Each structure stands twice: as C-alpha cells, then as structure tokens.
Amino acid sequence: KDQKPAPLLALNKIDKVKKERLLELAKDLNARVPFAATFMISALNGYGVADLKRHLAAHVPPGPWHYPADEVSDAPLRLMASEITREKIYERLHEELPYHATVETTDWKEKKNGVRIEQTIYVARDSQKSIVLGKGGSMIKQLSMLSRKELSEILEKPVHLFLFVKVREGWEDDPERYREQGLEFPKE
C-alpha cells in the first residue's frame, strides 16, 4: 500500500525573526507534528530555498510525463499571455494597484513575422487607469515591453503586443470573467 509521506515544515521570513525565537518555534512545532524535515527559508533573499527544492526533487516519486517536455504550460496560450501581462502589472504596481486589475487577450493573430496580440487591461476606476498608463504613457510602455519580451521567449517568435486600458466598474463581480478563465464564480 502507498503510505502517505510525513509532512514537511517550511518556516518562511526567517530574516524577520530572531534566531533564538525561530529555533524555539521550530522545536515547538516539531514536538506537535512529526515532520519529515524542517526548512528555514527566506523567500525574499532566497536563503534555504535551494535546500528545500533539492529535498522536494529527491522525494518526488517518478511518474509519467503528463505533457511534452517542450510544453511550458497546459493553459491556453491566450490565457497564459493574459496572466503574463497581469503578473507584470502586479510586479510593477502592487503598492498602488493591488489586485484591482485584470487582463483579457482580445485578439491573437499569427503573422509571417510573428504574433500580433491585443490585450485589454481592465481597472475599476479612472484613477487606476492613470496609474496603469503612467506619466506620458511610461508605465504602459514598460509593461508592454516586459510582457512582449517574456511572450517572445515562450513562443519562440517575435510578439507584437498592443495594450489598452479600460475602466469597467465591478469587473471583480462579473461571473463571465471567472468562466473565461475556467473558474467558478464564488457564491456568497
């Protein structure tokens, strides 16, 4: 019979806690639960992350490949492209615009000189639109450049990316937005 492996304990943000307190916490948690291993990491600066990855890689049971080795994602390309741009928005604007923007790939055309992609960034208010555009369009240009670069690497061809920003009040409460991503609309 397959035996369920013992859980691991990964304590993050160790750069924020005094060493004595951290050791005390780890000892207390290990007394409560029989962890197979304990890892103290700082995701921010990478300390201990390589050890955790090595442990996980060494203990993953072998299995069949579920996708071809050269396939980077099982998500549809249009959705993946939207997520890449949304990630760039979050990386650059998480202080000013936390989770208040979504991206929709509205057009995708294969051309002889690459792929032409149009995306619409939806925000809830005009003030958020100004943040995404940036002074003189500087932020939208930066977002476009970063997304285009990553998409070109993934698709292994030139990408011509066109970003548009629109205000759509209440987009977070639109069940259609969830269905487009293959998700269920959360019911209250």
N, C-alpha and C. Protein backbone atom coordinates (compact mmCIF):
# COMPACT_ATOMS: atom_id res chain seq x y z
N LYS A 1 0.84 -1.20 0.00
CA LYS A 1 0.00 0.00 0.00
C LYS A 1 0.87 1.24 0.00
N ASP A 2 0.34 2.27 -0.66
CA ASP A 2 1.05 3.55 -0.64
C ASP A 2 0.90 4.18 0.74
N GLN A 3 2.03 4.52 1.32
CA GLN A 3 2.00 5.17 2.62
C GLN A 3 2.13 6.67 2.42
N LYS A 4 1.30 7.42 3.10
CA LYS A 4 1.32 8.87 2.98
C LYS A 4 2.62 9.40 3.59
N PRO A 5 3.37 10.21 2.83
CA PRO A 5 4.63 10.73 3.37
C PRO A 5 4.39 11.72 4.51
N ALA A 6 5.35 11.77 5.41
CA ALA A 6 5.25 12.73 6.52
C ALA A 6 5.34 14.15 5.96
N PRO A 7 4.65 15.07 6.58
CA PRO A 7 4.68 16.45 6.08
C PRO A 7 6.03 17.11 6.34
N LEU A 8 6.28 18.16 5.60
CA LEU A 8 7.47 18.98 5.77
C LEU A 8 7.08 20.27 6.47
N LEU A 9 8.02 20.87 7.14
CA LEU A 9 7.79 22.17 7.76
C LEU A 9 8.74 23.16 7.11
N ALA A 10 8.19 24.22 6.53
CA ALA A 10 8.99 25.28 5.93
C ALA A 10 8.61 26.58 6.63
N LEU A 11 9.55 27.13 7.37
CA LEU A 11 9.33 28.39 8.05
C LEU A 11 9.92 29.50 7.19
N ASN A 12 9.08 30.38 6.71
CA ASN A 12 9.50 31.47 5.82
C ASN A 12 9.70 32.75 6.63
N LYS A 13 10.32 33.72 5.99
CA LYS A 13 10.57 35.04 6.57
C LYS A 13 11.51 34.96 7.77
N ILE A 14 12.47 34.04 7.70
CA ILE A 14 13.38 33.87 8.83
C ILE A 14 14.26 35.10 9.04
N ASP A 15 14.36 35.93 8.03
CA ASP A 15 15.14 37.17 8.16
C ASP A 15 14.41 38.19 9.03
N LYS A 16 13.17 37.91 9.40
CA LYS A 16 12.37 38.84 10.21
C LYS A 16 12.29 38.42 11.68
N VAL A 17 12.84 37.24 12.02
CA VAL A 17 12.68 36.69 13.36
C VAL A 17 14.06 36.42 13.96
N LYS A 18 14.20 36.66 15.25
CA LYS A 18 15.46 36.38 15.92
C LYS A 18 15.71 34.88 15.92
N LYS A 19 16.97 34.51 15.80
CA LYS A 19 17.37 33.10 15.67
C LYS A 19 16.85 32.26 16.85
N GLU A 20 16.96 32.78 18.06
CA GLU A 20 16.52 32.02 19.24
C GLU A 20 15.02 31.73 19.16
N ARG A 21 14.25 32.73 18.77
CA ARG A 21 12.79 32.57 18.67
C ARG A 21 12.43 31.58 17.57
N LEU A 22 13.18 31.63 16.49
CA LEU A 22 12.96 30.74 15.37
C LEU A 22 13.21 29.29 15.76
N LEU A 23 14.33 29.05 16.45
CA LEU A 23 14.66 27.69 16.90
C LEU A 23 13.62 27.17 17.89
N GLU A 24 13.16 28.05 18.76
CA GLU A 24 12.12 27.70 19.73
C GLU A 24 10.82 27.32 19.01
N LEU A 25 10.45 28.12 18.02
CA LEU A 25 9.24 27.85 17.25
C LEU A 25 9.34 26.52 16.51
N ALA A 26 10.47 26.28 15.86
CA ALA A 26 10.67 25.02 15.13
C ALA A 26 10.60 23.82 16.08
N LYS A 27 11.22 23.95 17.24
CA LYS A 27 11.20 22.86 18.23
C LYS A 27 9.77 22.58 18.70
N ASP A 28 9.02 23.65 18.99
CA ASP A 28 7.64 23.50 19.44
C ASP A 28 6.77 22.83 18.37
N LEU A 29 6.89 23.27 17.13
CA LEU A 29 6.08 22.70 16.05
C LEU A 29 6.45 21.24 15.79
N ASN A 30 7.74 20.91 15.84
CA ASN A 30 8.17 19.53 15.64
C ASN A 30 7.73 18.63 16.78
N ALA A 31 7.53 19.17 17.97
CA ALA A 31 7.03 18.38 19.09
C ALA A 31 5.55 18.04 18.89
N ARG A 32 4.83 18.91 18.19
CA ARG A 32 3.40 18.70 17.95
C ARG A 32 3.11 17.76 16.77
N VAL A 33 3.93 17.88 15.72
CA VAL A 33 3.70 17.12 14.48
C VAL A 33 5.01 16.44 14.07
N PRO A 34 4.94 15.19 13.68
CA PRO A 34 6.17 14.50 13.24
C PRO A 34 6.54 14.88 11.80
N PHE A 35 7.23 16.00 11.64
CA PHE A 35 7.65 16.45 10.32
C PHE A 35 8.83 15.61 9.84
N ALA A 36 8.84 15.32 8.55
CA ALA A 36 9.94 14.56 7.95
C ALA A 36 11.21 15.40 7.93
N ALA A 37 11.05 16.71 7.75
CA ALA A 37 12.19 17.63 7.73
C ALA A 37 11.68 19.03 7.98
N THR A 38 12.58 19.87 8.48
CA THR A 38 12.26 21.27 8.74
C THR A 38 13.20 22.14 7.93
N PHE A 39 12.63 23.12 7.25
CA PHE A 39 13.42 24.04 6.44
C PHE A 39 13.14 25.46 6.90
N MET A 40 14.21 26.20 7.08
CA MET A 40 14.09 27.61 7.44
C MET A 40 14.53 28.40 6.22
N ILE A 41 13.58 29.18 5.70
CA ILE A 41 13.86 29.85 4.43
C ILE A 41 13.50 31.33 4.49
N SER A 42 14.05 32.05 3.55
CA SER A 42 13.65 33.43 3.30
C SER A 42 13.39 33.52 1.80
N ALA A 43 12.13 33.51 1.44
CA ALA A 43 11.78 33.58 0.02
C ALA A 43 12.25 34.91 -0.57
N LEU A 44 12.33 35.94 0.26
CA LEU A 44 12.75 37.25 -0.22
C LEU A 44 14.19 37.25 -0.72
N ASN A 45 15.10 36.69 0.08
CA ASN A 45 16.51 36.70 -0.35
C ASN A 45 17.01 35.34 -0.82
N GLY A 46 16.14 34.33 -0.79
CA GLY A 46 16.50 33.02 -1.33
C GLY A 46 17.19 32.09 -0.36
N TYR A 47 17.47 32.52 0.85
CA TYR A 47 18.17 31.68 1.82
C TYR A 47 17.35 30.42 2.11
N GLY A 48 17.99 29.27 1.98
CA GLY A 48 17.36 28.00 2.31
C GLY A 48 16.44 27.44 1.24
N VAL A 49 16.10 28.22 0.24
CA VAL A 49 15.16 27.78 -0.80
C VAL A 49 15.75 26.63 -1.62
N ALA A 50 17.04 26.72 -1.95
CA ALA A 50 17.68 25.66 -2.74
C ALA A 50 17.65 24.33 -2.00
N ASP A 51 17.85 24.36 -0.68
CA ASP A 51 17.80 23.12 0.11
C ASP A 51 16.40 22.50 0.07
N LEU A 52 15.39 23.33 0.19
CA LEU A 52 14.01 22.85 0.12
C LEU A 52 13.72 22.25 -1.26
N LYS A 53 14.15 22.93 -2.32
CA LYS A 53 13.93 22.41 -3.68
C LYS A 53 14.63 21.07 -3.87
N ARG A 54 15.88 20.98 -3.40
CA ARG A 54 16.62 19.70 -3.53
C ARG A 54 15.89 18.58 -2.81
N HIS A 55 15.41 18.86 -1.61
CA HIS A 55 14.68 17.84 -0.85
C HIS A 55 13.42 17.39 -1.60
N LEU A 56 12.67 18.37 -2.08
CA LEU A 56 11.44 18.03 -2.81
C LEU A 56 11.75 17.22 -4.07
N ALA A 57 12.77 17.63 -4.82
CA ALA A 57 13.13 16.92 -6.05
C ALA A 57 13.57 15.50 -5.75
N ALA A 58 14.27 15.30 -4.65
CA ALA A 58 14.77 13.97 -4.29
C ALA A 58 13.66 13.04 -3.81
N HIS A 59 12.55 13.60 -3.35
CA HIS A 59 11.49 12.78 -2.77
C HIS A 59 10.22 12.69 -3.61
N VAL A 60 10.23 13.27 -4.79
CA VAL A 60 9.07 13.15 -5.66
C VAL A 60 9.15 11.79 -6.35
N PRO A 61 8.09 11.01 -6.25
CA PRO A 61 8.15 9.70 -6.90
C PRO A 61 8.17 9.84 -8.42
N PRO A 62 8.88 8.95 -9.10
CA PRO A 62 8.89 9.02 -10.56
C PRO A 62 7.49 8.73 -11.11
N GLY A 63 7.21 9.35 -12.21
CA GLY A 63 5.90 9.15 -12.82
C GLY A 63 5.97 9.52 -14.28
N PRO A 64 4.88 9.31 -14.97
CA PRO A 64 4.87 9.61 -16.41
C PRO A 64 4.85 11.11 -16.66
N TRP A 65 5.36 11.52 -17.81
CA TRP A 65 5.24 12.91 -18.23
C TRP A 65 3.79 13.11 -18.65
N HIS A 66 3.17 14.15 -18.13
CA HIS A 66 1.78 14.43 -18.49
C HIS A 66 1.68 15.35 -19.70
N TYR A 67 2.78 16.02 -20.03
CA TYR A 67 2.82 16.94 -21.16
C TYR A 67 4.15 16.77 -21.86
N PRO A 68 4.24 17.14 -23.12
CA PRO A 68 5.55 17.11 -23.79
C PRO A 68 6.55 17.99 -23.06
N ALA A 69 7.82 17.59 -23.07
CA ALA A 69 8.86 18.30 -22.33
C ALA A 69 9.00 19.75 -22.77
N ASP A 70 8.68 20.05 -24.02
CA ASP A 70 8.83 21.43 -24.51
C ASP A 70 7.58 22.28 -24.32
N GLU A 71 6.54 21.73 -23.72
CA GLU A 71 5.30 22.48 -23.48
C GLU A 71 5.43 23.22 -22.15
N VAL A 72 5.36 24.54 -22.19
CA VAL A 72 5.61 25.34 -20.99
C VAL A 72 4.41 25.44 -20.06
N SER A 73 3.21 25.17 -20.55
CA SER A 73 2.02 25.29 -19.73
C SER A 73 0.88 24.50 -20.35
N ASP A 74 -0.05 24.06 -19.51
CA ASP A 74 -1.24 23.41 -20.04
C ASP A 74 -2.38 24.42 -20.21
N ALA A 75 -2.12 25.67 -19.87
CA ALA A 75 -3.13 26.72 -20.04
C ALA A 75 -3.19 27.13 -21.50
N PRO A 76 -4.36 27.50 -21.99
CA PRO A 76 -4.44 28.02 -23.35
C PRO A 76 -3.52 29.23 -23.50
N LEU A 77 -2.93 29.39 -24.68
CA LEU A 77 -1.97 30.47 -24.89
C LEU A 77 -2.55 31.86 -24.62
N ARG A 78 -3.79 32.07 -24.99
CA ARG A 78 -4.41 33.38 -24.77
C ARG A 78 -4.49 33.70 -23.28
N LEU A 79 -4.86 32.70 -22.48
CA LEU A 79 -4.95 32.89 -21.04
C LEU A 79 -3.56 33.07 -20.45
N MET A 80 -2.60 32.28 -20.90
CA MET A 80 -1.24 32.40 -20.41
C MET A 80 -0.68 33.80 -20.72
N ALA A 81 -0.94 34.30 -21.90
CA ALA A 81 -0.48 35.64 -22.28
C ALA A 81 -1.09 36.69 -21.36
N SER A 82 -2.36 36.56 -21.05
CA SER A 82 -3.03 37.49 -20.14
C SER A 82 -2.40 37.45 -18.75
N GLU A 83 -2.11 36.25 -18.30
CA GLU A 83 -1.51 36.09 -16.97
C GLU A 83 -0.11 36.68 -16.90
N ILE A 84 0.63 36.57 -17.98
CA ILE A 84 1.97 37.15 -18.00
C ILE A 84 1.89 38.67 -17.87
N THR A 85 0.99 39.29 -18.60
CA THR A 85 0.83 40.74 -18.51
C THR A 85 0.31 41.14 -17.13
N ARG A 86 -0.63 40.37 -16.61
CA ARG A 86 -1.15 40.67 -15.26
C ARG A 86 -0.03 40.56 -14.23
N GLU A 87 0.85 39.59 -14.39
CA GLU A 87 1.99 39.44 -13.49
C GLU A 87 2.89 40.68 -13.54
N LYS A 88 3.13 41.20 -14.74
CA LYS A 88 3.97 42.39 -14.89
C LYS A 88 3.31 43.60 -14.21
N ILE A 89 1.99 43.69 -14.32
CA ILE A 89 1.27 44.77 -13.65
C ILE A 89 1.46 44.65 -12.15
N TYR A 90 1.28 43.45 -11.63
CA TYR A 90 1.41 43.25 -10.19
C TYR A 90 2.84 43.53 -9.72
N GLU A 91 3.84 43.07 -10.48
CA GLU A 91 5.24 43.30 -10.09
C GLU A 91 5.56 44.78 -10.02
N ARG A 92 5.02 45.57 -10.94
CA ARG A 92 5.36 46.99 -11.01
C ARG A 92 4.44 47.88 -10.18
N LEU A 93 3.19 47.45 -9.98
CA LEU A 93 2.20 48.34 -9.36
C LEU A 93 1.53 47.76 -8.12
N HIS A 94 2.12 46.74 -7.50
CA HIS A 94 1.45 46.10 -6.37
C HIS A 94 1.19 47.04 -5.20
N GLU A 95 1.99 48.07 -5.05
CA GLU A 95 1.76 49.03 -3.97
C GLU A 95 0.54 49.91 -4.28
N GLU A 96 0.44 50.36 -5.53
CA GLU A 96 -0.61 51.30 -5.91
C GLU A 96 -1.90 50.62 -6.37
N LEU A 97 -1.79 49.40 -6.88
CA LEU A 97 -2.93 48.77 -7.53
C LEU A 97 -3.04 47.28 -7.16
N PRO A 98 -3.13 46.96 -5.89
CA PRO A 98 -3.13 45.55 -5.52
C PRO A 98 -4.42 44.84 -5.96
N TYR A 99 -4.30 43.90 -6.86
CA TYR A 99 -5.39 43.03 -7.30
C TYR A 99 -6.56 43.76 -7.95
N HIS A 100 -6.40 45.02 -8.31
CA HIS A 100 -7.51 45.76 -8.89
C HIS A 100 -7.42 45.88 -10.41
N ALA A 101 -6.72 44.96 -11.02
CA ALA A 101 -6.63 44.97 -12.49
C ALA A 101 -6.71 43.54 -12.99
N THR A 102 -7.30 43.40 -14.14
CA THR A 102 -7.33 42.10 -14.80
C THR A 102 -6.99 42.34 -16.27
N VAL A 103 -6.55 41.28 -16.92
CA VAL A 103 -6.12 41.40 -18.32
C VAL A 103 -6.87 40.37 -19.14
N GLU A 104 -7.32 40.79 -20.31
CA GLU A 104 -8.02 39.90 -21.23
C GLU A 104 -7.34 39.98 -22.60
N THR A 105 -6.98 38.84 -23.15
CA THR A 105 -6.43 38.81 -24.51
C THR A 105 -7.61 38.89 -25.46
N THR A 106 -7.71 39.99 -26.18
CA THR A 106 -8.88 40.23 -27.02
C THR A 106 -8.66 39.85 -28.48
N ASP A 107 -7.39 39.75 -28.90
CA ASP A 107 -7.12 39.37 -30.29
C ASP A 107 -5.75 38.69 -30.36
N TRP A 108 -5.66 37.66 -31.20
CA TRP A 108 -4.43 36.88 -31.37
C TRP A 108 -4.36 36.48 -32.84
N LYS A 109 -3.38 37.01 -33.53
CA LYS A 109 -3.25 36.68 -34.95
C LYS A 109 -1.83 36.22 -35.24
N GLU A 110 -1.72 35.05 -35.83
CA GLU A 110 -0.43 34.53 -36.29
C GLU A 110 -0.10 35.23 -37.60
N LYS A 111 1.06 35.86 -37.65
CA LYS A 111 1.51 36.55 -38.85
C LYS A 111 2.82 35.93 -39.31
N LYS A 112 3.24 36.24 -40.54
CA LYS A 112 4.50 35.67 -41.04
C LYS A 112 5.70 36.22 -40.27
N ASN A 113 5.56 37.40 -39.67
CA ASN A 113 6.67 37.99 -38.92
C ASN A 113 6.46 37.89 -37.41
N GLY A 114 5.65 36.95 -36.95
CA GLY A 114 5.43 36.75 -35.52
C GLY A 114 3.96 36.67 -35.16
N VAL A 115 3.65 37.05 -33.93
CA VAL A 115 2.28 37.00 -33.43
C VAL A 115 1.86 38.41 -33.03
N ARG A 116 0.64 38.80 -33.45
CA ARG A 116 0.09 40.09 -33.06
C ARG A 116 -0.95 39.81 -31.98
N ILE A 117 -0.71 40.38 -30.79
CA ILE A 117 -1.59 40.16 -29.65
C ILE A 117 -2.13 41.50 -29.17
N GLU A 118 -3.44 41.54 -28.96
CA GLU A 118 -4.06 42.71 -28.35
C GLU A 118 -4.64 42.28 -27.01
N GLN A 119 -4.38 43.09 -26.00
CA GLN A 119 -4.90 42.81 -24.67
C GLN A 119 -5.53 44.06 -24.09
N THR A 120 -6.58 43.85 -23.31
CA THR A 120 -7.22 44.95 -22.61
C THR A 120 -7.01 44.75 -21.13
N ILE A 121 -6.50 45.79 -20.48
CA ILE A 121 -6.33 45.79 -19.03
C ILE A 121 -7.54 46.50 -18.46
N TYR A 122 -8.29 45.79 -17.61
CA TYR A 122 -9.48 46.38 -17.00
C TYR A 122 -9.17 46.80 -15.57
N VAL A 123 -9.58 48.00 -15.23
CA VAL A 123 -9.48 48.51 -13.87
C VAL A 123 -10.86 49.01 -13.46
N ALA A 124 -11.05 49.26 -12.18
CA ALA A 124 -12.38 49.63 -11.68
C ALA A 124 -12.65 51.13 -11.68
N ARG A 125 -11.59 51.96 -11.68
CA ARG A 125 -11.80 53.41 -11.58
C ARG A 125 -10.83 54.16 -12.50
N ASP A 126 -11.20 55.40 -12.84
CA ASP A 126 -10.36 56.26 -13.68
C ASP A 126 -8.99 56.49 -13.05
N SER A 127 -8.95 56.66 -11.72
CA SER A 127 -7.67 56.91 -11.05
C SER A 127 -6.72 55.71 -11.24
N GLN A 128 -7.27 54.50 -11.29
CA GLN A 128 -6.45 53.31 -11.52
C GLN A 128 -5.94 53.27 -12.96
N LYS A 129 -6.76 53.74 -13.88
CA LYS A 129 -6.34 53.81 -15.28
C LYS A 129 -5.11 54.70 -15.43
N SER A 130 -5.13 55.84 -14.74
CA SER A 130 -3.99 56.76 -14.79
C SER A 130 -2.72 56.11 -14.25
N ILE A 131 -2.87 55.29 -13.22
CA ILE A 131 -1.71 54.60 -12.63
C ILE A 131 -1.12 53.62 -13.64
N VAL A 132 -1.98 52.84 -14.32
CA VAL A 132 -1.51 51.86 -15.29
C VAL A 132 -0.85 52.55 -16.49
N LEU A 133 -1.42 53.65 -16.93
CA LEU A 133 -0.82 54.37 -18.06
C LEU A 133 0.51 55.02 -17.68
N GLY A 134 0.57 55.59 -16.49
CA GLY A 134 1.80 56.27 -16.06
C GLY A 134 1.95 57.62 -16.73
N LYS A 135 2.88 58.39 -16.24
CA LYS A 135 3.11 59.74 -16.77
C LYS A 135 3.60 59.64 -18.21
N GLY A 136 2.85 60.25 -19.11
CA GLY A 136 3.22 60.23 -20.52
C GLY A 136 3.21 58.84 -21.14
N GLY A 137 2.46 57.91 -20.52
CA GLY A 137 2.40 56.54 -21.05
C GLY A 137 3.60 55.69 -20.68
N SER A 138 4.42 56.16 -19.74
CA SER A 138 5.65 55.45 -19.41
C SER A 138 5.41 54.07 -18.80
N MET A 139 4.40 53.93 -17.95
CA MET A 139 4.16 52.63 -17.30
C MET A 139 3.61 51.62 -18.30
N ILE A 140 2.66 52.00 -19.13
CA ILE A 140 2.08 51.06 -20.09
C ILE A 140 3.15 50.61 -21.08
N LYS A 141 4.07 51.48 -21.44
CA LYS A 141 5.18 51.11 -22.33
C LYS A 141 6.08 50.09 -21.66
N GLN A 142 6.38 50.31 -20.38
CA GLN A 142 7.23 49.38 -19.65
C GLN A 142 6.55 48.01 -19.51
N LEU A 143 5.26 48.02 -19.17
CA LEU A 143 4.52 46.76 -19.04
C LEU A 143 4.50 46.01 -20.36
N SER A 144 4.27 46.73 -21.45
CA SER A 144 4.23 46.12 -22.78
C SER A 144 5.58 45.51 -23.14
N MET A 145 6.65 46.24 -22.88
CA MET A 145 7.98 45.75 -23.21
C MET A 145 8.32 44.47 -22.43
N LEU A 146 8.02 44.47 -21.13
CA LEU A 146 8.33 43.30 -20.30
C LEU A 146 7.50 42.08 -20.70
N SER A 147 6.21 42.30 -20.94
CA SER A 147 5.33 41.19 -21.36
C SER A 147 5.73 40.67 -22.72
N ARG A 148 6.00 41.57 -23.65
CA ARG A 148 6.39 41.18 -25.01
C ARG A 148 7.66 40.32 -24.97
N LYS A 149 8.63 40.74 -24.16
CA LYS A 149 9.89 40.00 -24.06
C LYS A 149 9.65 38.57 -23.57
N GLU A 150 8.89 38.42 -22.50
CA GLU A 150 8.64 37.08 -21.96
C GLU A 150 7.81 36.24 -22.93
N LEU A 151 6.80 36.84 -23.55
CA LEU A 151 5.98 36.09 -24.51
C LEU A 151 6.81 35.66 -25.72
N SER A 152 7.71 36.50 -26.18
CA SER A 152 8.57 36.14 -27.32
C SER A 152 9.45 34.96 -26.98
N GLU A 153 9.97 34.93 -25.75
CA GLU A 153 10.81 33.81 -25.33
C GLU A 153 10.00 32.51 -25.26
N ILE A 154 8.80 32.58 -24.71
CA ILE A 154 7.97 31.39 -24.58
C ILE A 154 7.51 30.88 -25.94
N LEU A 155 7.06 31.79 -26.80
CA LEU A 155 6.53 31.40 -28.11
C LEU A 155 7.62 31.17 -29.15
N GLU A 156 8.84 31.59 -28.81
CA GLU A 156 9.99 31.44 -29.69
C GLU A 156 9.76 32.10 -31.05
N LYS A 157 9.15 33.28 -31.00
CA LYS A 157 8.93 34.08 -32.20
C LYS A 157 8.64 35.51 -31.77
N PRO A 158 8.80 36.47 -32.67
CA PRO A 158 8.52 37.86 -32.31
C PRO A 158 7.05 38.05 -31.92
N VAL A 159 6.83 38.89 -30.93
CA VAL A 159 5.48 39.20 -30.48
C VAL A 159 5.28 40.71 -30.62
N HIS A 160 4.18 41.07 -31.24
CA HIS A 160 3.78 42.47 -31.38
C HIS A 160 2.58 42.64 -30.45
N LEU A 161 2.82 43.27 -29.30
CA LEU A 161 1.82 43.36 -28.25
C LEU A 161 1.25 44.77 -28.17
N PHE A 162 -0.06 44.85 -28.15
CA PHE A 162 -0.77 46.13 -28.05
C PHE A 162 -1.66 46.08 -26.81
N LEU A 163 -1.39 46.99 -25.87
CA LEU A 163 -2.15 47.04 -24.62
C LEU A 163 -3.08 48.23 -24.60
N PHE A 164 -4.29 48.01 -24.13
CA PHE A 164 -5.30 49.05 -23.97
C PHE A 164 -5.79 49.00 -22.53
N VAL A 165 -6.11 50.15 -21.97
CA VAL A 165 -6.62 50.21 -20.59
C VAL A 165 -8.03 50.76 -20.62
N LYS A 166 -8.95 50.03 -19.97
CA LYS A 166 -10.34 50.46 -19.90
C LYS A 166 -10.85 50.37 -18.47
N VAL A 167 -11.76 51.25 -18.15
CA VAL A 167 -12.42 51.22 -16.85
C VAL A 167 -13.68 50.38 -16.99
N ARG A 168 -13.80 49.39 -16.14
CA ARG A 168 -15.01 48.56 -16.10
C ARG A 168 -15.35 48.37 -14.62
N GLU A 169 -16.26 49.21 -14.13
CA GLU A 169 -16.64 49.12 -12.72
C GLU A 169 -17.23 47.75 -12.42
N GLY A 170 -16.83 47.19 -11.29
CA GLY A 170 -17.39 45.92 -10.84
C GLY A 170 -16.92 44.70 -11.62
N TRP A 171 -15.81 44.80 -12.34
CA TRP A 171 -15.34 43.63 -13.11
C TRP A 171 -15.06 42.44 -12.20
N GLU A 172 -14.70 42.74 -10.93
CA GLU A 172 -14.40 41.64 -10.00
C GLU A 172 -15.63 40.79 -9.68
N ASP A 173 -16.83 41.37 -9.89
CA ASP A 173 -18.07 40.68 -9.57
C ASP A 173 -18.78 40.12 -10.80
N ASP A 174 -18.08 40.07 -11.92
CA ASP A 174 -18.68 39.60 -13.18
C ASP A 174 -18.41 38.11 -13.33
N PRO A 175 -19.45 37.27 -13.24
CA PRO A 175 -19.26 35.83 -13.37
C PRO A 175 -18.59 35.42 -14.69
N GLU A 176 -18.81 36.19 -15.74
CA GLU A 176 -18.22 35.86 -17.04
C GLU A 176 -16.69 35.90 -16.98
N ARG A 177 -16.12 36.82 -16.21
CA ARG A 177 -14.65 36.92 -16.07
C ARG A 177 -14.09 35.62 -15.51
N TYR A 178 -14.81 35.01 -14.59
CA TYR A 178 -14.37 33.76 -13.99
C TYR A 178 -14.50 32.60 -14.97
N ARG A 179 -15.65 32.55 -15.67
CA ARG A 179 -15.88 31.46 -16.64
C ARG A 179 -14.82 31.47 -17.73
N GLU A 180 -14.41 32.66 -18.20
CA GLU A 180 -13.39 32.77 -19.25
C GLU A 180 -12.08 32.12 -18.83
N GLN A 181 -11.83 32.10 -17.51
CA GLN A 181 -10.59 31.53 -17.01
C GLN A 181 -10.77 30.10 -16.53
N GLY A 182 -11.96 29.54 -16.75
CA GLY A 182 -12.22 28.17 -16.34
C GLY A 182 -12.45 28.04 -14.85
N LEU A 183 -12.87 29.12 -14.21
CA LEU A 183 -13.09 29.12 -12.77
C LEU A 183 -14.58 29.25 -12.47
N GLU A 184 -14.95 28.86 -11.27
CA GLU A 184 -16.32 29.00 -10.83
C GLU A 184 -16.47 30.33 -10.10
N PHE A 185 -17.55 31.04 -10.36
CA PHE A 185 -17.79 32.32 -9.70
C PHE A 185 -18.08 32.04 -8.22
N PRO A 186 -17.36 32.71 -7.30
CA PRO A 186 -17.60 32.45 -5.88
C PRO A 186 -18.97 32.93 -5.45
N LYS A 187 -19.71 32.05 -4.84
CA LYS A 187 -21.06 32.41 -4.37
C LYS A 187 -20.98 32.79 -2.90
N GLU A 188 -21.75 33.78 -2.54
CA GLU A 188 -21.73 34.23 -1.13
C GLU A 188 -22.81 33.57 -0.34
